[in-house]
Structure formats: structure tokens, C-alpha cells
Amino acid sequence: MTPGPTHVVRCPSCSQLGAYPTIASGNTFGAVYYTDGRRVAPMLPDTPSVVRCGGCSGVFWLESATEVGEYSPWGSDSESIDPTWTSAARLVEPEENQYVAALEQLIAAQPDKAKDARLFTWWRGNDQHRGSSPTVGKDSPEAVETRHHNMRALMGLLDTAEPIDQLMRAEVLRQLGEFELATKALTRHFPSQFDTAISRLLYMCARRDSTLQKL
């Protein structure tokens, strides 16, 4: 993996500077794929589409922020870099509860990305189950209800004519514990490249397993 320049942007809410790194080149060696469609690639990390400001804690679409500039932190011109850039707090992806609190705002700002906003929220909730040592806490009934509400709203935004969306719909249903409906969704015709994922999901439906799994 080869790091790219660090970009500096201005928060659209409070105007504070924030920074995020980029990757000049990478690969998917060691990447892990999950049943919810998320890929975790250590050598090719994704730049989050939604970030949280380190100043006002506002949550916003990264593309909506005004870019101030970029710099190479390892370059020979490091002494000429504006110190306000190098001291800018790193922009990070929101936690699940922060996504939930900002969902209406995110969707209002980019109505055409409502599916993405709800997808990212679902993925963030599932992140506690990823990795070699998942850190799973006991969610409150209210948190579970909120998560399920978002998942059902996501299903309403999926295009059932698109195989990838239909597969995602089946996975949402499985994670909701609606195994019969998930199985029915998986028995429609899919292109052959989805065979492995479908077999895995059907197996988990038969076992009435609603947990996130690796593919």
C-alpha cells in the first residue's frame, strides 16, 4: 500500500478544518468480505463518504465540504506546509448512533443518496461483529428497534430488479430473523457470480442464523 496526499477540507457547518488521508495505490490482499456486502481491505482502506467533524461533531457528506488543499506529510516541502493543515483533526466515519442522529439531515442534503446513508448506518452497526476479535455489547431494546427500523427503511429503497439489491434485501431479511422471506428472495434467478453468496445465505437461513458472517 502506498499512501497518497492528505486532503484538508472545511466543515460545512462550523468551518473548522479537517483532514483525511488517501491511498495512491493498494491491493485487496487479505481483504475480508461479509454477508452484508461490506469489504474490509487492510491494504486498500476506503475513504468514508460520510464523516464527523472534530470541532462541532457535525456529520456530513465528505463531498459537500470545501477542499482547502492537500499535502504530502512525508515530502521534502514539509516545512512550507501551513501549520493549520497539519494540525487539523482527522475526519472519521461516524459511529452507528451518530449516523442515526444525522440520518434525516444527510438524506435532506442528498436525497438521491438516501439508500447510501441507510446502508452506511447498517454497516456501521454491523462493524461490532467484524474482525478476528469482535467487540459485541448488549444493545438496549431501543437501539435494536432503531436499527431494525433503519434496515426496513433500507429495504424500501432497494431496486428489486437489480440482483445486487435483491441479494442485499435477502440479507437484511435474514438479519431481521425473517428466514422464510429471505429464502424466498434468494430462490429467484441470479447471475452465476452470486452462487457462492447465495449458497452461504441459504445455509444460514436453514440454520435460522441471523448473525453477520464472512463470505
C-alpha atoms as a PDB file:
ATOM      1  CA  MET A   1       0.000   0.000   0.000  1.00  0.00           C
ATOM      2  CA  THR A   2       1.332   3.434  -0.973  1.00  0.00           C
ATOM      3  CA  PRO A   3      -0.097   6.435   0.903  1.00  0.00           C
ATOM      4  CA  GLY A   4      -1.341   9.375  -1.110  1.00  0.00           C
ATOM      5  CA  PRO A   5      -1.585  13.012  -0.062  1.00  0.00           C
ATOM      6  CA  THR A   6      -3.550  14.173   2.953  1.00  0.00           C
ATOM      7  CA  HIS A   7      -6.519  16.324   1.962  1.00  0.00           C
ATOM      8  CA  VAL A   8      -7.714  19.235   4.075  1.00  0.00           C
ATOM      9  CA  VAL A   9     -11.334  20.387   3.925  1.00  0.00           C
ATOM     10  CA  ARG A  10     -13.555  22.851   5.739  1.00  0.00           C
ATOM     11  CA  CYS A  11     -16.565  21.623   7.708  1.00  0.00           C
ATOM     12  CA  PRO A  12     -19.760  22.914   6.049  1.00  0.00           C
ATOM     13  CA  SER A  13     -21.310  23.564   9.469  1.00  0.00           C
ATOM     14  CA  CYS A  14     -18.613  25.232  11.589  1.00  0.00           C
ATOM     15  CA  SER A  15     -15.857  25.899   9.012  1.00  0.00           C
ATOM     16  CA  GLN A  16     -13.235  24.125  11.104  1.00  0.00           C
ATOM     17  CA  LEU A  17     -10.532  22.363   9.135  1.00  0.00           C
ATOM     18  CA  GLY A  18     -10.467  18.596   8.985  1.00  0.00           C
ATOM     19  CA  ALA A  19      -8.083  16.204   7.258  1.00  0.00           C
ATOM     20  CA  TYR A  20      -8.274  12.751   5.748  1.00  0.00           C
ATOM     21  CA  PRO A  21      -5.557  10.536   4.227  1.00  0.00           C
ATOM     22  CA  THR A  22      -5.723   8.964   0.792  1.00  0.00           C
ATOM     23  CA  ILE A  23      -4.179   5.900  -0.843  1.00  0.00           C
ATOM     24  CA  ALA A  24      -2.103   6.277  -4.005  1.00  0.00           C
ATOM     25  CA  SER A  25      -2.087   2.542  -4.674  1.00  0.00           C
ATOM     26  CA  GLY A  26      -3.086  -0.596  -2.855  1.00  0.00           C
ATOM     27  CA  ASN A  27      -4.406  -4.109  -3.263  1.00  0.00           C
ATOM     28  CA  THR A  28      -7.075  -6.401  -1.886  1.00  0.00           C
ATOM     29  CA  PHE A  29      -4.615  -8.906  -0.389  1.00  0.00           C
ATOM     30  CA  GLY A  30      -6.086 -10.085   2.902  1.00  0.00           C
ATOM     31  CA  ALA A  31      -9.459  -8.495   2.188  1.00  0.00           C
ATOM     32  CA  VAL A  32     -12.473  -9.934   4.012  1.00  0.00           C
ATOM     33  CA  TYR A  33     -15.973  -9.862   2.529  1.00  0.00           C
ATOM     34  CA  TYR A  34     -19.081 -10.021   4.703  1.00  0.00           C
ATOM     35  CA  THR A  35     -22.641 -11.122   4.110  1.00  0.00           C
ATOM     36  CA  ASP A  36     -23.913  -7.531   4.346  1.00  0.00           C
ATOM     37  CA  GLY A  37     -21.796  -6.609   1.314  1.00  0.00           C
ATOM     38  CA  ARG A  38     -19.072  -4.714   3.116  1.00  0.00           C
ATOM     39  CA  ARG A  39     -15.439  -5.328   2.203  1.00  0.00           C
ATOM     40  CA  VAL A  40     -12.650  -4.729   4.701  1.00  0.00           C
ATOM     41  CA  ALA A  41      -9.295  -4.493   2.902  1.00  0.00           C
ATOM     42  CA  PRO A  42      -6.309  -3.615   5.141  1.00  0.00           C
ATOM     43  CA  MET A  43      -4.158  -2.741   2.123  1.00  0.00           C
ATOM     44  CA  LEU A  44      -6.890  -0.706   0.404  1.00  0.00           C
ATOM     45  CA  PRO A  45      -8.927   1.073   3.075  1.00  0.00           C
ATOM     46  CA  ASP A  46     -11.979   3.005   1.939  1.00  0.00           C
ATOM     47  CA  THR A  47     -12.290   6.747   2.412  1.00  0.00           C
ATOM     48  CA  PRO A  48     -15.646   7.184   4.161  1.00  0.00           C
ATOM     49  CA  SER A  49     -18.323   9.035   2.205  1.00  0.00           C
ATOM     50  CA  VAL A  50     -19.758  10.401   5.461  1.00  0.00           C
ATOM     51  CA  VAL A  51     -17.519  11.905   8.135  1.00  0.00           C
ATOM     52  CA  ARG A  52     -17.775  13.597  11.527  1.00  0.00           C
ATOM     53  CA  CYS A  53     -16.205  16.977  12.260  1.00  0.00           C
ATOM     54  CA  GLY A  54     -13.699  17.042  15.122  1.00  0.00           C
ATOM     55  CA  GLY A  55     -14.844  20.519  16.097  1.00  0.00           C
ATOM     56  CA  CYS A  56     -18.642  20.717  16.126  1.00  0.00           C
ATOM     57  CA  SER A  57     -19.161  16.916  15.868  1.00  0.00           C
ATOM     58  CA  GLY A  58     -21.375  17.577  12.862  1.00  0.00           C
ATOM     59  CA  VAL A  59     -21.917  14.683  10.438  1.00  0.00           C
ATOM     60  CA  PHE A  60     -21.767  15.473   6.728  1.00  0.00           C
ATOM     61  CA  TRP A  61     -21.135  14.087   3.250  1.00  0.00           C
ATOM     62  CA  LEU A  62     -17.411  14.463   2.603  1.00  0.00           C
ATOM     63  CA  GLU A  63     -18.031  15.669  -0.956  1.00  0.00           C
ATOM     64  CA  SER A  64     -20.062  18.595   0.422  1.00  0.00           C
ATOM     65  CA  ALA A  65     -17.054  20.040   2.249  1.00  0.00           C
ATOM     66  CA  THR A  66     -14.941  22.723   0.602  1.00  0.00           C
ATOM     67  CA  GLU A  67     -11.437  21.466  -0.111  1.00  0.00           C
ATOM     68  CA  VAL A  68      -8.746  23.804   1.173  1.00  0.00           C
ATOM     69  CA  GLY A  69      -5.730  21.918  -0.138  1.00  0.00           C
ATOM     70  CA  GLU A  70      -3.584  18.842   0.155  1.00  0.00           C
ATOM     71  CA  TYR A  71      -0.080  17.993   1.291  1.00  0.00           C
ATOM     72  CA  SER A  72       2.350  15.104   1.428  1.00  0.00           C
ATOM     73  CA  PRO A  73       3.271  14.634   5.099  1.00  0.00           C
ATOM     74  CA  TRP A  74       6.469  12.753   4.192  1.00  0.00           C
ATOM     75  CA  GLY A  75       7.649  15.165   1.474  1.00  0.00           C
ATOM     76  CA  SER A  76      10.644  17.468   1.401  1.00  0.00           C
ATOM     77  CA  ASP A  77       8.369  20.526   1.452  1.00  0.00           C
ATOM     78  CA  SER A  78       7.038  19.720   4.927  1.00  0.00           C
ATOM     79  CA  GLU A  79       8.411  22.971   6.362  1.00  0.00           C
ATOM     80  CA  SER A  80       6.341  25.025   3.916  1.00  0.00           C
ATOM     81  CA  ILE A  81       3.040  23.335   4.779  1.00  0.00           C
ATOM     82  CA  ASP A  82       0.511  25.569   6.501  1.00  0.00           C
ATOM     83  CA  PRO A  83       0.592  24.508  10.186  1.00  0.00           C
ATOM     84  CA  THR A  84      -3.186  24.809  10.374  1.00  0.00           C
ATOM     85  CA  TRP A  85      -3.356  21.990   7.827  1.00  0.00           C
ATOM     86  CA  THR A  86      -1.057  19.651   9.729  1.00  0.00           C
ATOM     87  CA  SER A  87      -2.877  20.346  12.997  1.00  0.00           C
ATOM     88  CA  ALA A  88      -6.337  19.750  11.522  1.00  0.00           C
ATOM     89  CA  ALA A  89      -8.207  16.935  13.262  1.00  0.00           C
ATOM     90  CA  ARG A  90      -8.615  13.752  11.257  1.00  0.00           C
ATOM     91  CA  LEU A  91     -12.102  13.225   9.874  1.00  0.00           C
ATOM     92  CA  VAL A  92     -13.534   9.842  10.810  1.00  0.00           C
ATOM     93  CA  GLU A  93     -16.642   7.876   9.944  1.00  0.00           C
ATOM     94  CA  PRO A  94     -19.468   8.354  12.473  1.00  0.00           C
ATOM     95  CA  GLU A  95     -20.468   5.633  14.907  1.00  0.00           C
ATOM     96  CA  GLU A  96     -23.837   3.952  14.385  1.00  0.00           C
ATOM     97  CA  ASN A  97     -25.687   6.169  16.863  1.00  0.00           C
ATOM     98  CA  GLN A  98     -24.162   9.270  15.271  1.00  0.00           C
ATOM     99  CA  TYR A  99     -25.347   8.118  11.857  1.00  0.00           C
ATOM    100  CA  VAL A 100     -28.831   7.556  13.266  1.00  0.00           C
ATOM    101  CA  ALA A 101     -28.928  11.045  14.782  1.00  0.00           C
ATOM    102  CA  ALA A 102     -27.832  12.601  11.484  1.00  0.00           C
ATOM    103  CA  LEU A 103     -29.856  10.447   9.051  1.00  0.00           C
ATOM    104  CA  GLU A 104     -32.602  12.980   8.357  1.00  0.00           C
ATOM    105  CA  GLN A 105     -30.021  15.707   7.811  1.00  0.00           C
ATOM    106  CA  LEU A 106     -27.920  13.532   5.494  1.00  0.00           C
ATOM    107  CA  ILE A 107     -30.918  12.463   3.432  1.00  0.00           C
ATOM    108  CA  ALA A 108     -32.237  16.035   3.201  1.00  0.00           C
ATOM    109  CA  ALA A 109     -28.831  17.209   1.987  1.00  0.00           C
ATOM    110  CA  GLN A 110     -28.542  14.463  -0.651  1.00  0.00           C
ATOM    111  CA  PRO A 111     -31.981  12.883  -1.312  1.00  0.00           C
ATOM    112  CA  ASP A 112     -30.543  10.761  -4.130  1.00  0.00           C
ATOM    113  CA  LYS A 113     -28.188   9.139  -1.607  1.00  0.00           C
ATOM    114  CA  ALA A 114     -30.813   8.053   0.921  1.00  0.00           C
ATOM    115  CA  LYS A 115     -30.002   4.398   0.194  1.00  0.00           C
ATOM    116  CA  ASP A 116     -26.298   5.024   0.799  1.00  0.00           C
ATOM    117  CA  ALA A 117     -26.966   6.824   4.076  1.00  0.00           C
ATOM    118  CA  ARG A 118     -29.070   3.954   5.389  1.00  0.00           C
ATOM    119  CA  LEU A 119     -26.636   1.348   4.038  1.00  0.00           C
ATOM    120  CA  PHE A 120     -23.687   3.001   5.800  1.00  0.00           C
ATOM    121  CA  THR A 121     -25.697   3.156   9.036  1.00  0.00           C
ATOM    122  CA  TRP A 122     -26.478  -0.570   8.781  1.00  0.00           C
ATOM    123  CA  TRP A 123     -22.856  -1.414   8.049  1.00  0.00           C
ATOM    124  CA  ARG A 124     -21.650   0.665  10.987  1.00  0.00           C
ATOM    125  CA  GLY A 125     -23.993  -1.206  13.312  1.00  0.00           C
ATOM    126  CA  ASN A 126     -22.608  -4.489  11.984  1.00  0.00           C
ATOM    127  CA  ASP A 127     -18.994  -3.402  12.490  1.00  0.00           C
ATOM    128  CA  GLN A 128     -19.046  -4.656  16.068  1.00  0.00           C
ATOM    129  CA  HIS A 129     -19.253  -8.179  14.630  1.00  0.00           C
ATOM    130  CA  ARG A 130     -16.294  -7.853  12.259  1.00  0.00           C
ATOM    131  CA  GLY A 131     -12.649  -8.737  12.696  1.00  0.00           C
ATOM    132  CA  SER A 132     -10.893 -11.560  14.486  1.00  0.00           C
ATOM    133  CA  SER A 133     -11.979 -10.294  17.923  1.00  0.00           C
ATOM    134  CA  PRO A 134     -15.481  -8.799  17.608  1.00  0.00           C
ATOM    135  CA  THR A 135     -16.473  -6.471  20.435  1.00  0.00           C
ATOM    136  CA  VAL A 136     -20.148  -7.186  20.818  1.00  0.00           C
ATOM    137  CA  GLY A 137     -22.025  -5.393  23.541  1.00  0.00           C
ATOM    138  CA  LYS A 138     -25.586  -5.882  24.711  1.00  0.00           C
ATOM    139  CA  ASP A 139     -27.727  -3.404  22.833  1.00  0.00           C
ATOM    140  CA  SER A 140     -30.740  -1.875  24.507  1.00  0.00           C
ATOM    141  CA  PRO A 141     -34.183  -2.759  23.127  1.00  0.00           C
ATOM    142  CA  GLU A 142     -34.453   0.841  21.910  1.00  0.00           C
ATOM    143  CA  ALA A 143     -31.172   0.572  19.987  1.00  0.00           C
ATOM    144  CA  VAL A 144     -32.258  -2.709  18.402  1.00  0.00           C
ATOM    145  CA  GLU A 145     -35.625  -1.218  17.411  1.00  0.00           C
ATOM    146  CA  THR A 146     -33.902   1.803  15.859  1.00  0.00           C
ATOM    147  CA  ARG A 147     -31.504  -0.445  13.954  1.00  0.00           C
ATOM    148  CA  HIS A 148     -34.344  -2.599  12.644  1.00  0.00           C
ATOM    149  CA  HIS A 149     -36.307   0.488  11.614  1.00  0.00           C
ATOM    150  CA  ASN A 150     -33.361   1.648   9.510  1.00  0.00           C
ATOM    151  CA  MET A 151     -32.941  -1.803   7.961  1.00  0.00           C
ATOM    152  CA  ARG A 152     -36.602  -1.916   6.931  1.00  0.00           C
ATOM    153  CA  ALA A 153     -36.352   1.596   5.512  1.00  0.00           C
ATOM    154  CA  LEU A 154     -33.283   0.487   3.547  1.00  0.00           C
ATOM    155  CA  MET A 155     -35.238  -2.416   2.052  1.00  0.00           C
ATOM    156  CA  GLY A 156     -37.786   0.057   0.732  1.00  0.00           C
ATOM    157  CA  LEU A 157     -35.043   1.825  -1.218  1.00  0.00           C
ATOM    158  CA  LEU A 158     -33.613  -1.271  -2.882  1.00  0.00           C
ATOM    159  CA  ASP A 159     -34.283  -1.952  -6.556  1.00  0.00           C
ATOM    160  CA  THR A 160     -35.648  -5.498  -6.771  1.00  0.00           C
ATOM    161  CA  ALA A 161     -34.800  -5.562 -10.480  1.00  0.00           C
ATOM    162  CA  GLU A 162     -31.106  -5.344  -9.612  1.00  0.00           C
ATOM    163  CA  PRO A 163     -29.517  -8.651  -8.488  1.00  0.00           C
ATOM    164  CA  ILE A 164     -27.148  -6.980  -6.001  1.00  0.00           C
ATOM    165  CA  ASP A 165     -30.037  -5.104  -4.372  1.00  0.00           C
ATOM    166  CA  GLN A 166     -32.157  -8.265  -4.276  1.00  0.00           C
ATOM    167  CA  LEU A 167     -29.288 -10.109  -2.575  1.00  0.00           C
ATOM    168  CA  MET A 168     -28.943  -7.270  -0.083  1.00  0.00           C
ATOM    169  CA  ARG A 169     -32.683  -7.389   0.596  1.00  0.00           C
ATOM    170  CA  ALA A 170     -32.398 -11.093   1.386  1.00  0.00           C
ATOM    171  CA  GLU A 171     -29.531 -10.399   3.790  1.00  0.00           C
ATOM    172  CA  VAL A 172     -31.492  -7.660   5.555  1.00  0.00           C
ATOM    173  CA  LEU A 173     -34.415 -10.063   5.959  1.00  0.00           C
ATOM    174  CA  ARG A 174     -32.094 -12.769   7.299  1.00  0.00           C
ATOM    175  CA  GLN A 175     -30.565 -10.412   9.849  1.00  0.00           C
ATOM    176  CA  LEU A 176     -34.073  -9.398  10.892  1.00  0.00           C
ATOM    177  CA  GLY A 177     -34.822 -13.076  11.535  1.00  0.00           C
ATOM    178  CA  GLU A 178     -37.346 -13.336   8.691  1.00  0.00           C
ATOM    179  CA  PHE A 179     -35.801 -16.524   7.326  1.00  0.00           C
ATOM    180  CA  GLU A 180     -38.689 -17.700   5.145  1.00  0.00           C
ATOM    181  CA  LEU A 181     -38.892 -14.365   3.329  1.00  0.00           C
ATOM    182  CA  ALA A 182     -35.105 -14.279   2.970  1.00  0.00           C
ATOM    183  CA  THR A 183     -35.118 -17.776   1.498  1.00  0.00           C
ATOM    184  CA  LYS A 184     -37.856 -16.834  -0.951  1.00  0.00           C
ATOM    185  CA  ALA A 185     -35.845 -13.777  -2.041  1.00  0.00           C
ATOM    186  CA  LEU A 186     -32.809 -15.994  -2.646  1.00  0.00           C
ATOM    187  CA  THR A 187     -34.634 -18.508  -4.853  1.00  0.00           C
ATOM    188  CA  ARG A 188     -35.169 -16.109  -7.749  1.00  0.00           C
ATOM    189  CA  HIS A 189     -32.796 -16.204 -10.718  1.00  0.00           C
ATOM    190  CA  PHE A 190     -29.402 -14.635 -10.049  1.00  0.00           C
ATOM    191  CA  PRO A 191     -26.312 -14.354 -12.266  1.00  0.00           C
ATOM    192  CA  SER A 192     -23.795 -17.141 -11.601  1.00  0.00           C
ATOM    193  CA  GLN A 193     -21.304 -14.844  -9.871  1.00  0.00           C
ATOM    194  CA  PHE A 194     -23.660 -14.704  -6.882  1.00  0.00           C
ATOM    195  CA  ASP A 195     -23.812 -18.503  -6.432  1.00  0.00           C
ATOM    196  CA  THR A 196     -21.321 -18.664  -3.546  1.00  0.00           C
ATOM    197  CA  ALA A 197     -23.003 -15.881  -1.586  1.00  0.00           C
ATOM    198  CA  ILE A 198     -26.474 -17.312  -2.179  1.00  0.00           C
ATOM    199  CA  SER A 199     -25.432 -20.789  -1.033  1.00  0.00           C
ATOM    200  CA  ARG A 200     -23.947 -19.300   2.122  1.00  0.00           C
ATOM    201  CA  LEU A 201     -27.047 -17.266   2.900  1.00  0.00           C
ATOM    202  CA  LEU A 202     -29.411 -20.168   2.212  1.00  0.00           C
ATOM    203  CA  TYR A 203     -27.372 -22.359   4.550  1.00  0.00           C
ATOM    204  CA  MET A 204     -27.643 -19.755   7.332  1.00  0.00           C
ATOM    205  CA  CYS A 205     -31.365 -19.313   6.714  1.00  0.00           C
ATOM    206  CA  ALA A 206     -31.834 -23.081   7.078  1.00  0.00           C
ATOM    207  CA  ARG A 207     -29.968 -22.895  10.395  1.00  0.00           C
ATOM    208  CA  ARG A 208     -32.041 -19.847  11.398  1.00  0.00           C
ATOM    209  CA  ASP A 209     -28.836 -17.925  11.930  1.00  0.00           C
ATOM    210  CA  SER A 210     -29.272 -14.142  11.768  1.00  0.00           C
ATOM    211  CA  THR A 211     -25.698 -13.160  12.633  1.00  0.00           C
ATOM    212  CA  LEU A 212     -23.279 -11.350  10.342  1.00  0.00           C
ATOM    213  CA  GLN A 213     -20.813 -13.762   8.760  1.00  0.00           C
ATOM    214  CA  LYS A 214     -17.799 -13.743   6.480  1.00  0.00           C
ATOM    215  CA  LEU A 215     -18.248 -14.922   2.913  1.00  0.00           C
END
